[in-house]
Amino acid sequence: MPIPAPHASPTSLGLGLALLMATAAMGCTSPAPSDPADAKVDANTKTCTVLFGQPNDKTGLTADQCQPHCDCVDLAFAPPTYTDADAEALLAWTLDTPYPPVAEDPYAHPEQHVPDHGKICAVLANPGSTKTYRLQTFASRAEAEAAGGRVTHGDACGVCSPLHDLAVYMRQRDLTDPVRQCALQPDQTGAMACLQKLGFDLPCAQIWYFNSQHTRKKCLATCLALLKAPYHNPDGTLNDCLLCDEKESGDVFKAVAGRTRRNTGLPSSMCRPCGEVVPVVHQYP
């Protein structure tokens, strides 16, 4: 996603670097197809080479290279087309024990924040029609479902796991325009207020902010050089700015946030290999 113009202040520019690339902080480093002509599903082997996502004019890929479904030997998944009404319904739910604010910049101690891949985060609704729930991390999908949980994303739960934050991801497949306004705020207070206005709960907004600041420190020159570049190169790989963000900031973000688009089963304008998508259908009782 585009970042603010070079005349923006360092703080606002940093926020733009990661926030305006939205899911880049939640991205992956696995290679996409090396040849656009191969971006298809082989009819004989059903091996996925098409990417999972919802291309727009910023993506830089065609609908043949990136599609909102997977048809692979190990994954056949076509998520529903979620509507504003679906997102609004999520806001009727209340988390029993909300996450506390993120007390300090997690990038100051990255060794303490390592993604817990292979786990499952599930919603467990309280009995009755209270529309209250709790979040719990399970070792597997089967374990979560046996406990009466509804899978909400892959990997351990984190500060972006609540359904309120899912509603933001569901509504905004590309956060470019709304997040640009957040990036142009002159200070952290303004940026945080802007992010929360998008719908993010405070802790989730905070990890987006800290991510952006870290990316600014590590990737500023690279990202400025690619200010107007498409998200992807012609061969399907992410551009060097988004790869830098993923390498430098991605793991801590994923460990703290928990939820990403890819592990939530939501396509976006950042296209990802199907092998990294967690099939989730968001239906909560």
C-alpha atoms as a PDB file:
ATOM      1  CA  MET A   1       0.000   0.000   0.000  1.00  0.00           C
ATOM      2  CA  PRO A   2       1.233   3.501  -0.604  1.00  0.00           C
ATOM      3  CA  ILE A   3       3.128   5.329   2.113  1.00  0.00           C
ATOM      4  CA  PRO A   4       2.903   9.033   2.900  1.00  0.00           C
ATOM      5  CA  ALA A   5       4.698  11.534   0.694  1.00  0.00           C
ATOM      6  CA  PRO A   6       8.350  12.222   1.648  1.00  0.00           C
ATOM      7  CA  HIS A   7       7.511  15.538   3.257  1.00  0.00           C
ATOM      8  CA  ALA A   8       5.546  13.814   6.044  1.00  0.00           C
ATOM      9  CA  SER A   9       7.039  13.914   9.531  1.00  0.00           C
ATOM     10  CA  PRO A  10       9.238  10.935  10.585  1.00  0.00           C
ATOM     11  CA  THR A  11       6.574   9.635  12.956  1.00  0.00           C
ATOM     12  CA  SER A  12       3.756   9.824  10.452  1.00  0.00           C
ATOM     13  CA  LEU A  13       5.972   8.405   7.744  1.00  0.00           C
ATOM     14  CA  GLY A  14       6.823   5.428   9.909  1.00  0.00           C
ATOM     15  CA  LEU A  15       3.182   4.681  10.512  1.00  0.00           C
ATOM     16  CA  GLY A  16       2.535   4.799   6.788  1.00  0.00           C
ATOM     17  CA  LEU A  17       5.319   2.352   5.998  1.00  0.00           C
ATOM     18  CA  ALA A  18       3.665  -0.563   7.733  1.00  0.00           C
ATOM     19  CA  LEU A  19       0.092   0.537   8.183  1.00  0.00           C
ATOM     20  CA  LEU A  20      -0.440   1.501   4.577  1.00  0.00           C
ATOM     21  CA  MET A  21       0.865  -1.844   3.501  1.00  0.00           C
ATOM     22  CA  ALA A  22      -1.757  -3.296   5.850  1.00  0.00           C
ATOM     23  CA  THR A  23      -1.269  -7.046   5.702  1.00  0.00           C
ATOM     24  CA  ALA A  24       2.417  -6.866   4.824  1.00  0.00           C
ATOM     25  CA  ALA A  25       3.251  -7.073   8.523  1.00  0.00           C
ATOM     26  CA  MET A  26       1.278 -10.232   8.520  1.00  0.00           C
ATOM     27  CA  GLY A  27       2.772 -11.572   5.348  1.00  0.00           C
ATOM     28  CA  CYS A  28       5.070 -14.448   4.489  1.00  0.00           C
ATOM     29  CA  THR A  29       8.428 -14.997   2.884  1.00  0.00           C
ATOM     30  CA  SER A  30       7.630 -18.141   0.902  1.00  0.00           C
ATOM     31  CA  PRO A  31       8.126 -17.576  -2.825  1.00  0.00           C
ATOM     32  CA  ALA A  32       5.229 -17.113  -5.196  1.00  0.00           C
ATOM     33  CA  PRO A  33       5.238 -18.593  -8.723  1.00  0.00           C
ATOM     34  CA  SER A  34       8.385 -17.672 -10.638  1.00  0.00           C
ATOM     35  CA  ASP A  35       6.589 -17.502 -13.960  1.00  0.00           C
ATOM     36  CA  PRO A  36       3.250 -15.709 -14.383  1.00  0.00           C
ATOM     37  CA  ALA A  37       2.300 -18.248 -17.025  1.00  0.00           C
ATOM     38  CA  ASP A  38       2.421 -20.933 -14.336  1.00  0.00           C
ATOM     39  CA  ALA A  39      -0.023 -19.068 -12.070  1.00  0.00           C
ATOM     40  CA  LYS A  40      -2.764 -21.650 -12.383  1.00  0.00           C
ATOM     41  CA  VAL A  41      -3.910 -24.941 -10.897  1.00  0.00           C
ATOM     42  CA  ASP A  42      -2.592 -27.925 -12.808  1.00  0.00           C
ATOM     43  CA  ALA A  43      -5.582 -30.041 -13.793  1.00  0.00           C
ATOM     44  CA  ASN A  44      -3.712 -33.291 -13.266  1.00  0.00           C
ATOM     45  CA  THR A  45      -1.837 -32.756 -10.028  1.00  0.00           C
ATOM     46  CA  LYS A  46      -4.085 -30.097  -8.474  1.00  0.00           C
ATOM     47  CA  THR A  47      -0.909 -28.404  -7.227  1.00  0.00           C
ATOM     48  CA  CYS A  48      -1.585 -24.792  -6.315  1.00  0.00           C
ATOM     49  CA  THR A  49       0.475 -22.163  -8.068  1.00  0.00           C
ATOM     50  CA  VAL A  50      -2.192 -19.471  -8.098  1.00  0.00           C
ATOM     51  CA  LEU A  51      -2.017 -17.054  -5.168  1.00  0.00           C
ATOM     52  CA  PHE A  52      -4.816 -16.394  -2.674  1.00  0.00           C
ATOM     53  CA  GLY A  53      -6.091 -12.826  -2.564  1.00  0.00           C
ATOM     54  CA  GLN A  54      -8.350 -10.157  -4.007  1.00  0.00           C
ATOM     55  CA  PRO A  55      -6.324  -8.105  -6.517  1.00  0.00           C
ATOM     56  CA  ASN A  56      -6.988  -4.420  -7.038  1.00  0.00           C
ATOM     57  CA  ASP A  57      -5.226  -1.712  -9.023  1.00  0.00           C
ATOM     58  CA  LYS A  58      -2.434  -1.574  -6.414  1.00  0.00           C
ATOM     59  CA  THR A  59      -1.694  -5.307  -6.414  1.00  0.00           C
ATOM     60  CA  GLY A  60       0.225  -5.558  -9.681  1.00  0.00           C
ATOM     61  CA  LEU A  61      -1.113  -9.039 -10.516  1.00  0.00           C
ATOM     62  CA  THR A  62      -3.855 -10.316 -12.769  1.00  0.00           C
ATOM     63  CA  ALA A  63      -6.903 -12.342 -11.777  1.00  0.00           C
ATOM     64  CA  ASP A  64      -5.168 -15.366 -13.293  1.00  0.00           C
ATOM     65  CA  GLN A  65      -2.276 -14.985 -10.849  1.00  0.00           C
ATOM     66  CA  CYS A  66      -4.285 -14.204  -7.722  1.00  0.00           C
ATOM     67  CA  GLN A  67      -7.813 -15.369  -6.893  1.00  0.00           C
ATOM     68  CA  PRO A  68     -10.027 -15.373  -3.768  1.00  0.00           C
ATOM     69  CA  HIS A  69     -10.021 -19.164  -3.476  1.00  0.00           C
ATOM     70  CA  CYS A  70      -7.685 -22.145  -3.366  1.00  0.00           C
ATOM     71  CA  ASP A  71      -8.056 -25.392  -5.285  1.00  0.00           C
ATOM     72  CA  CYS A  72      -5.106 -27.516  -4.232  1.00  0.00           C
ATOM     73  CA  VAL A  73      -4.365 -31.129  -3.433  1.00  0.00           C
ATOM     74  CA  ASP A  74      -4.113 -30.199   0.247  1.00  0.00           C
ATOM     75  CA  LEU A  75      -6.543 -27.293   0.379  1.00  0.00           C
ATOM     76  CA  ALA A  76      -9.821 -26.641  -1.387  1.00  0.00           C
ATOM     77  CA  PHE A  77     -11.159 -23.438   0.111  1.00  0.00           C
ATOM     78  CA  ALA A  78     -13.470 -20.723  -1.161  1.00  0.00           C
ATOM     79  CA  PRO A  79     -14.384 -18.294   1.627  1.00  0.00           C
ATOM     80  CA  PRO A  80     -17.778 -16.602   1.618  1.00  0.00           C
ATOM     81  CA  THR A  81     -18.070 -13.049   0.375  1.00  0.00           C
ATOM     82  CA  TYR A  82     -18.565 -11.253   3.670  1.00  0.00           C
ATOM     83  CA  THR A  83     -20.829  -8.209   3.695  1.00  0.00           C
ATOM     84  CA  ASP A  84     -21.016  -5.109   5.874  1.00  0.00           C
ATOM     85  CA  ALA A  85     -23.881  -6.839   7.678  1.00  0.00           C
ATOM     86  CA  ASP A  86     -21.583  -9.761   8.512  1.00  0.00           C
ATOM     87  CA  ALA A  87     -18.993  -7.389   9.927  1.00  0.00           C
ATOM     88  CA  GLU A  88     -21.634  -5.461  11.851  1.00  0.00           C
ATOM     89  CA  ALA A  89     -22.903  -8.682  13.423  1.00  0.00           C
ATOM     90  CA  LEU A  90     -19.460  -9.277  14.905  1.00  0.00           C
ATOM     91  CA  LEU A  91     -19.701  -5.992  16.794  1.00  0.00           C
ATOM     92  CA  ALA A  92     -22.656  -7.334  18.778  1.00  0.00           C
ATOM     93  CA  TRP A  93     -20.287  -9.702  20.576  1.00  0.00           C
ATOM     94  CA  THR A  94     -18.407  -8.752  23.759  1.00  0.00           C
ATOM     95  CA  LEU A  95     -15.173 -10.378  24.877  1.00  0.00           C
ATOM     96  CA  ASP A  96     -15.394 -11.487  28.512  1.00  0.00           C
ATOM     97  CA  THR A  97     -11.863 -10.434  29.397  1.00  0.00           C
ATOM     98  CA  PRO A  98     -10.529  -7.799  27.011  1.00  0.00           C
ATOM     99  CA  TYR A  99      -6.805  -7.686  26.367  1.00  0.00           C
ATOM    100  CA  PRO A 100      -4.967  -5.052  28.403  1.00  0.00           C
ATOM    101  CA  PRO A 101      -3.084  -2.289  26.566  1.00  0.00           C
ATOM    102  CA  VAL A 102       0.313  -3.250  25.159  1.00  0.00           C
ATOM    103  CA  ALA A 103       2.521  -1.950  27.961  1.00  0.00           C
ATOM    104  CA  GLU A 104       5.729  -1.451  25.972  1.00  0.00           C
ATOM    105  CA  ASP A 105       7.101  -1.656  22.461  1.00  0.00           C
ATOM    106  CA  PRO A 106       7.445  -5.413  21.846  1.00  0.00           C
ATOM    107  CA  TYR A 107      10.189  -4.751  19.296  1.00  0.00           C
ATOM    108  CA  ALA A 108      12.442  -3.712  22.179  1.00  0.00           C
ATOM    109  CA  HIS A 109      12.598  -7.407  23.184  1.00  0.00           C
ATOM    110  CA  PRO A 110      11.841  -9.438  20.042  1.00  0.00           C
ATOM    111  CA  GLU A 111      13.164 -12.635  21.631  1.00  0.00           C
ATOM    112  CA  GLN A 112      10.161 -12.532  23.966  1.00  0.00           C
ATOM    113  CA  HIS A 113       7.660 -12.457  21.093  1.00  0.00           C
ATOM    114  CA  VAL A 114       7.925 -15.520  18.854  1.00  0.00           C
ATOM    115  CA  PRO A 115       4.951 -16.701  16.747  1.00  0.00           C
ATOM    116  CA  ASP A 116       3.284 -19.866  18.068  1.00  0.00           C
ATOM    117  CA  HIS A 117       2.505 -21.506  14.740  1.00  0.00           C
ATOM    118  CA  GLY A 118       0.490 -24.689  14.519  1.00  0.00           C
ATOM    119  CA  LYS A 119      -1.961 -23.686  17.234  1.00  0.00           C
ATOM    120  CA  ILE A 120      -5.589 -22.629  16.795  1.00  0.00           C
ATOM    121  CA  CYS A 121      -7.401 -19.633  18.286  1.00  0.00           C
ATOM    122  CA  ALA A 122     -11.089 -20.282  18.928  1.00  0.00           C
ATOM    123  CA  VAL A 123     -14.138 -18.376  20.079  1.00  0.00           C
ATOM    124  CA  LEU A 124     -16.095 -20.012  22.892  1.00  0.00           C
ATOM    125  CA  ALA A 125     -19.525 -18.474  23.255  1.00  0.00           C
ATOM    126  CA  ASN A 126     -21.008 -18.285  26.720  1.00  0.00           C
ATOM    127  CA  PRO A 127     -24.251 -20.241  27.215  1.00  0.00           C
ATOM    128  CA  GLY A 128     -27.500 -18.486  26.467  1.00  0.00           C
ATOM    129  CA  SER A 129     -28.048 -15.494  24.232  1.00  0.00           C
ATOM    130  CA  THR A 130     -25.691 -13.107  26.024  1.00  0.00           C
ATOM    131  CA  LYS A 131     -23.453 -12.541  22.968  1.00  0.00           C
ATOM    132  CA  THR A 132     -20.413 -12.775  25.203  1.00  0.00           C
ATOM    133  CA  TYR A 133     -17.422 -14.979  24.513  1.00  0.00           C
ATOM    134  CA  ARG A 134     -13.902 -15.853  25.467  1.00  0.00           C
ATOM    135  CA  LEU A 135     -10.856 -16.626  23.345  1.00  0.00           C
ATOM    136  CA  GLN A 136      -8.687 -19.667  23.898  1.00  0.00           C
ATOM    137  CA  THR A 137      -5.643 -21.144  22.187  1.00  0.00           C
ATOM    138  CA  PHE A 138      -5.820 -24.870  21.380  1.00  0.00           C
ATOM    139  CA  ALA A 139      -3.268 -27.334  20.077  1.00  0.00           C
ATOM    140  CA  SER A 140      -5.427 -28.267  17.069  1.00  0.00           C
ATOM    141  CA  ARG A 141      -8.680 -27.586  15.260  1.00  0.00           C
ATOM    142  CA  ALA A 142     -10.066 -30.904  16.477  1.00  0.00           C
ATOM    143  CA  GLU A 143      -9.320 -29.999  20.083  1.00  0.00           C
ATOM    144  CA  ALA A 144     -10.938 -26.587  19.681  1.00  0.00           C
ATOM    145  CA  GLU A 145     -14.084 -28.037  18.142  1.00  0.00           C
ATOM    146  CA  ALA A 146     -14.291 -30.794  20.756  1.00  0.00           C
ATOM    147  CA  ALA A 147     -14.353 -28.071  23.426  1.00  0.00           C
ATOM    148  CA  GLY A 148     -17.235 -26.337  21.650  1.00  0.00           C
ATOM    149  CA  GLY A 149     -15.072 -23.624  20.125  1.00  0.00           C
ATOM    150  CA  ARG A 150     -15.444 -21.942  16.749  1.00  0.00           C
ATOM    151  CA  VAL A 151     -12.082 -21.527  15.023  1.00  0.00           C
ATOM    152  CA  THR A 152     -11.432 -17.843  14.358  1.00  0.00           C
ATOM    153  CA  HIS A 153      -7.836 -18.041  13.088  1.00  0.00           C
ATOM    154  CA  GLY A 154      -4.727 -20.189  12.990  1.00  0.00           C
ATOM    155  CA  ASP A 155      -1.847 -19.722  15.459  1.00  0.00           C
ATOM    156  CA  ALA A 156      -2.134 -18.637  19.082  1.00  0.00           C
ATOM    157  CA  CYS A 157      -4.596 -15.934  20.134  1.00  0.00           C
ATOM    158  CA  GLY A 158      -3.311 -12.381  20.443  1.00  0.00           C
ATOM    159  CA  VAL A 159      -4.410  -8.779  20.801  1.00  0.00           C
ATOM    160  CA  CYS A 160      -5.997  -8.652  17.312  1.00  0.00           C
ATOM    161  CA  SER A 161      -7.959 -11.877  17.821  1.00  0.00           C
ATOM    162  CA  PRO A 162     -11.177 -10.266  19.198  1.00  0.00           C
ATOM    163  CA  LEU A 163     -14.174 -10.201  16.880  1.00  0.00           C
ATOM    164  CA  HIS A 164     -14.182  -6.397  16.852  1.00  0.00           C
ATOM    165  CA  ASP A 165     -10.810  -6.490  15.114  1.00  0.00           C
ATOM    166  CA  LEU A 166     -11.974  -9.235  12.766  1.00  0.00           C
ATOM    167  CA  ALA A 167     -14.735  -6.864  11.657  1.00  0.00           C
ATOM    168  CA  VAL A 168     -12.105  -4.327  10.527  1.00  0.00           C
ATOM    169  CA  TYR A 169     -10.231  -6.952   8.490  1.00  0.00           C
ATOM    170  CA  MET A 170     -13.498  -8.190   7.026  1.00  0.00           C
ATOM    171  CA  ARG A 171     -14.630  -4.730   5.918  1.00  0.00           C
ATOM    172  CA  GLN A 172     -11.304  -3.470   4.620  1.00  0.00           C
ATOM    173  CA  ARG A 173      -9.599  -5.711   2.100  1.00  0.00           C
ATOM    174  CA  ASP A 174      -7.234  -2.861   1.357  1.00  0.00           C
ATOM    175  CA  LEU A 175      -6.653  -0.334   4.121  1.00  0.00           C
ATOM    176  CA  THR A 176      -4.807   2.131   1.888  1.00  0.00           C
ATOM    177  CA  ASP A 177      -7.044   5.191   1.979  1.00  0.00           C
ATOM    178  CA  PRO A 178      -8.306   5.079   5.581  1.00  0.00           C
ATOM    179  CA  VAL A 179      -4.910   4.182   7.002  1.00  0.00           C
ATOM    180  CA  ARG A 180      -3.159   6.883   4.978  1.00  0.00           C
ATOM    181  CA  GLN A 181      -5.062   9.405   7.052  1.00  0.00           C
ATOM    182  CA  CYS A 182      -3.779   7.743  10.226  1.00  0.00           C
ATOM    183  CA  ALA A 183      -0.239   7.863   8.881  1.00  0.00           C
ATOM    184  CA  LEU A 184      -0.493  11.604   8.312  1.00  0.00           C
ATOM    185  CA  GLN A 185      -1.254  12.332  11.944  1.00  0.00           C
ATOM    186  CA  PRO A 186       1.529  14.416  13.521  1.00  0.00           C
ATOM    187  CA  ASP A 187       2.142  12.276  16.607  1.00  0.00           C
ATOM    188  CA  GLN A 188       1.467   8.936  18.271  1.00  0.00           C
ATOM    189  CA  THR A 189      -1.640  10.190  20.046  1.00  0.00           C
ATOM    190  CA  GLY A 190      -3.236  11.269  16.804  1.00  0.00           C
ATOM    191  CA  ALA A 191      -2.190   8.107  15.000  1.00  0.00           C
ATOM    192  CA  MET A 192      -3.639   5.893  17.711  1.00  0.00           C
ATOM    193  CA  ALA A 193      -6.909   7.791  17.773  1.00  0.00           C
ATOM    194  CA  CYS A 194      -7.148   7.442  14.002  1.00  0.00           C
ATOM    195  CA  LEU A 195      -6.489   3.698  14.102  1.00  0.00           C
ATOM    196  CA  GLN A 196      -9.129   3.197  16.757  1.00  0.00           C
ATOM    197  CA  LYS A 197     -11.578   5.186  14.683  1.00  0.00           C
ATOM    198  CA  LEU A 198     -11.148   2.542  11.984  1.00  0.00           C
ATOM    199  CA  GLY A 199     -12.574   0.107  14.512  1.00  0.00           C
ATOM    200  CA  PHE A 200      -9.464  -1.510  15.995  1.00  0.00           C
ATOM    201  CA  ASP A 201      -9.503  -2.162  19.723  1.00  0.00           C
ATOM    202  CA  LEU A 202      -6.737  -0.278  21.551  1.00  0.00           C
ATOM    203  CA  PRO A 203      -4.286  -3.205  21.948  1.00  0.00           C
ATOM    204  CA  CYS A 204      -4.600  -4.174  18.273  1.00  0.00           C
ATOM    205  CA  ALA A 205      -4.104  -0.542  17.210  1.00  0.00           C
ATOM    206  CA  GLN A 206      -1.010  -0.411  19.403  1.00  0.00           C
ATOM    207  CA  ILE A 207       0.740  -3.359  17.758  1.00  0.00           C
ATOM    208  CA  TRP A 208       0.013  -1.848  14.334  1.00  0.00           C
ATOM    209  CA  TYR A 209       1.621   1.367  15.547  1.00  0.00           C
ATOM    210  CA  PHE A 210       4.701  -0.282  17.058  1.00  0.00           C
ATOM    211  CA  ASN A 211       5.101  -2.375  13.922  1.00  0.00           C
ATOM    212  CA  SER A 212       5.094   0.733  11.768  1.00  0.00           C
ATOM    213  CA  GLN A 213       7.708   2.469  13.875  1.00  0.00           C
ATOM    214  CA  HIS A 214      10.032  -0.526  13.693  1.00  0.00           C
ATOM    215  CA  THR A 215       9.582  -0.817   9.936  1.00  0.00           C
ATOM    216  CA  ARG A 216      10.452   2.860   9.549  1.00  0.00           C
ATOM    217  CA  LYS A 217      13.753   2.277  11.322  1.00  0.00           C
ATOM    218  CA  LYS A 218      14.654  -0.751   9.242  1.00  0.00           C
ATOM    219  CA  CYS A 219      13.104  -0.174   5.821  1.00  0.00           C
ATOM    220  CA  LEU A 220      12.756   3.579   5.241  1.00  0.00           C
ATOM    221  CA  ALA A 221      15.129   3.946   2.281  1.00  0.00           C
ATOM    222  CA  THR A 222      13.838   0.819   0.557  1.00  0.00           C
ATOM    223  CA  CYS A 223      10.219   1.837   0.953  1.00  0.00           C
ATOM    224  CA  LEU A 224      10.755   5.429  -0.197  1.00  0.00           C
ATOM    225  CA  ALA A 225      12.314   4.099  -3.383  1.00  0.00           C
ATOM    226  CA  LEU A 226       9.160   2.034  -3.989  1.00  0.00           C
ATOM    227  CA  LEU A 227       6.691   4.722  -2.978  1.00  0.00           C
ATOM    228  CA  LYS A 228       4.405   4.166  -5.976  1.00  0.00           C
ATOM    229  CA  ALA A 229       5.336   0.593  -6.831  1.00  0.00           C
ATOM    230  CA  PRO A 230       2.744  -2.206  -6.999  1.00  0.00           C
ATOM    231  CA  TYR A 231       2.628  -4.509  -4.018  1.00  0.00           C
ATOM    232  CA  HIS A 232       3.900  -7.410  -6.150  1.00  0.00           C
ATOM    233  CA  ASN A 233       6.579  -7.896  -8.765  1.00  0.00           C
ATOM    234  CA  PRO A 234       5.470  -9.353 -12.120  1.00  0.00           C
ATOM    235  CA  ASP A 235       6.539 -12.848 -10.995  1.00  0.00           C
ATOM    236  CA  GLY A 236       4.152 -12.697  -8.026  1.00  0.00           C
ATOM    237  CA  THR A 237       6.691 -11.995  -5.277  1.00  0.00           C
ATOM    238  CA  LEU A 238       6.184  -9.056  -2.919  1.00  0.00           C
ATOM    239  CA  ASN A 239       8.144  -5.909  -3.643  1.00  0.00           C
ATOM    240  CA  ASP A 240      11.292  -5.251  -1.609  1.00  0.00           C
ATOM    241  CA  CYS A 241       9.575  -2.783   0.733  1.00  0.00           C
ATOM    242  CA  LEU A 242       6.968  -5.311   1.819  1.00  0.00           C
ATOM    243  CA  LEU A 243       9.571  -8.053   2.053  1.00  0.00           C
ATOM    244  CA  CYS A 244      11.681  -5.833   4.292  1.00  0.00           C
ATOM    245  CA  ASP A 245       8.691  -5.209   6.533  1.00  0.00           C
ATOM    246  CA  GLU A 246       8.004  -8.935   6.714  1.00  0.00           C
ATOM    247  CA  LYS A 247      11.608  -9.823   7.489  1.00  0.00           C
ATOM    248  CA  GLU A 248      12.216  -7.087  10.048  1.00  0.00           C
ATOM    249  CA  SER A 249       8.818  -6.697  11.699  1.00  0.00           C
ATOM    250  CA  GLY A 250       6.614  -9.624  10.736  1.00  0.00           C
ATOM    251  CA  ASP A 251       7.388 -12.202  13.411  1.00  0.00           C
ATOM    252  CA  VAL A 252       6.875  -9.885  16.366  1.00  0.00           C
ATOM    253  CA  PHE A 253       3.660  -8.566  14.852  1.00  0.00           C
ATOM    254  CA  LYS A 254       2.288 -12.064  14.327  1.00  0.00           C
ATOM    255  CA  ALA A 255       3.271 -13.155  17.823  1.00  0.00           C
ATOM    256  CA  VAL A 256       1.567 -10.201  19.503  1.00  0.00           C
ATOM    257  CA  ALA A 257      -1.385  -9.674  17.148  1.00  0.00           C
ATOM    258  CA  GLY A 258      -2.314 -13.338  16.699  1.00  0.00           C
ATOM    259  CA  ARG A 259      -4.725 -12.646  13.838  1.00  0.00           C
ATOM    260  CA  THR A 260      -3.550 -12.036  10.281  1.00  0.00           C
ATOM    261  CA  ARG A 261      -5.589 -12.057   7.096  1.00  0.00           C
ATOM    262  CA  ARG A 262      -3.828 -15.183   5.892  1.00  0.00           C
ATOM    263  CA  ASN A 263      -4.459 -17.228   9.041  1.00  0.00           C
ATOM    264  CA  THR A 264      -8.031 -15.871   9.174  1.00  0.00           C
ATOM    265  CA  GLY A 265      -8.962 -17.084   5.678  1.00  0.00           C
ATOM    266  CA  LEU A 266      -9.616 -13.591   4.312  1.00  0.00           C
ATOM    267  CA  PRO A 267      -8.357 -12.601   0.863  1.00  0.00           C
ATOM    268  CA  SER A 268      -6.814  -9.174   0.464  1.00  0.00           C
ATOM    269  CA  SER A 269      -4.911  -7.113  -2.078  1.00  0.00           C
ATOM    270  CA  MET A 270      -1.691  -8.695  -0.768  1.00  0.00           C
ATOM    271  CA  CYS A 271      -1.700 -12.114  -2.424  1.00  0.00           C
ATOM    272  CA  ARG A 272      -0.297 -15.135  -0.595  1.00  0.00           C
ATOM    273  CA  PRO A 273       0.511 -18.776  -1.416  1.00  0.00           C
ATOM    274  CA  CYS A 274      -2.437 -21.067  -0.766  1.00  0.00           C
ATOM    275  CA  GLY A 275      -0.224 -23.340   1.308  1.00  0.00           C
ATOM    276  CA  GLU A 276      -0.075 -20.617   3.972  1.00  0.00           C
ATOM    277  CA  VAL A 277      -3.827 -19.964   4.156  1.00  0.00           C
ATOM    278  CA  VAL A 278      -5.867 -21.296   7.084  1.00  0.00           C
ATOM    279  CA  PRO A 279      -9.398 -22.169   5.898  1.00  0.00           C
ATOM    280  CA  VAL A 280     -11.810 -20.445   8.279  1.00  0.00           C
ATOM    281  CA  VAL A 281     -15.492 -19.632   7.757  1.00  0.00           C
ATOM    282  CA  HIS A 282     -16.673 -16.975  10.184  1.00  0.00           C
ATOM    283  CA  GLN A 283     -20.047 -18.041  11.533  1.00  0.00           C
ATOM    284  CA  TYR A 284     -20.611 -17.432  15.210  1.00  0.00           C
ATOM    285  CA  PRO A 285     -23.834 -18.570  16.937  1.00  0.00           C
END
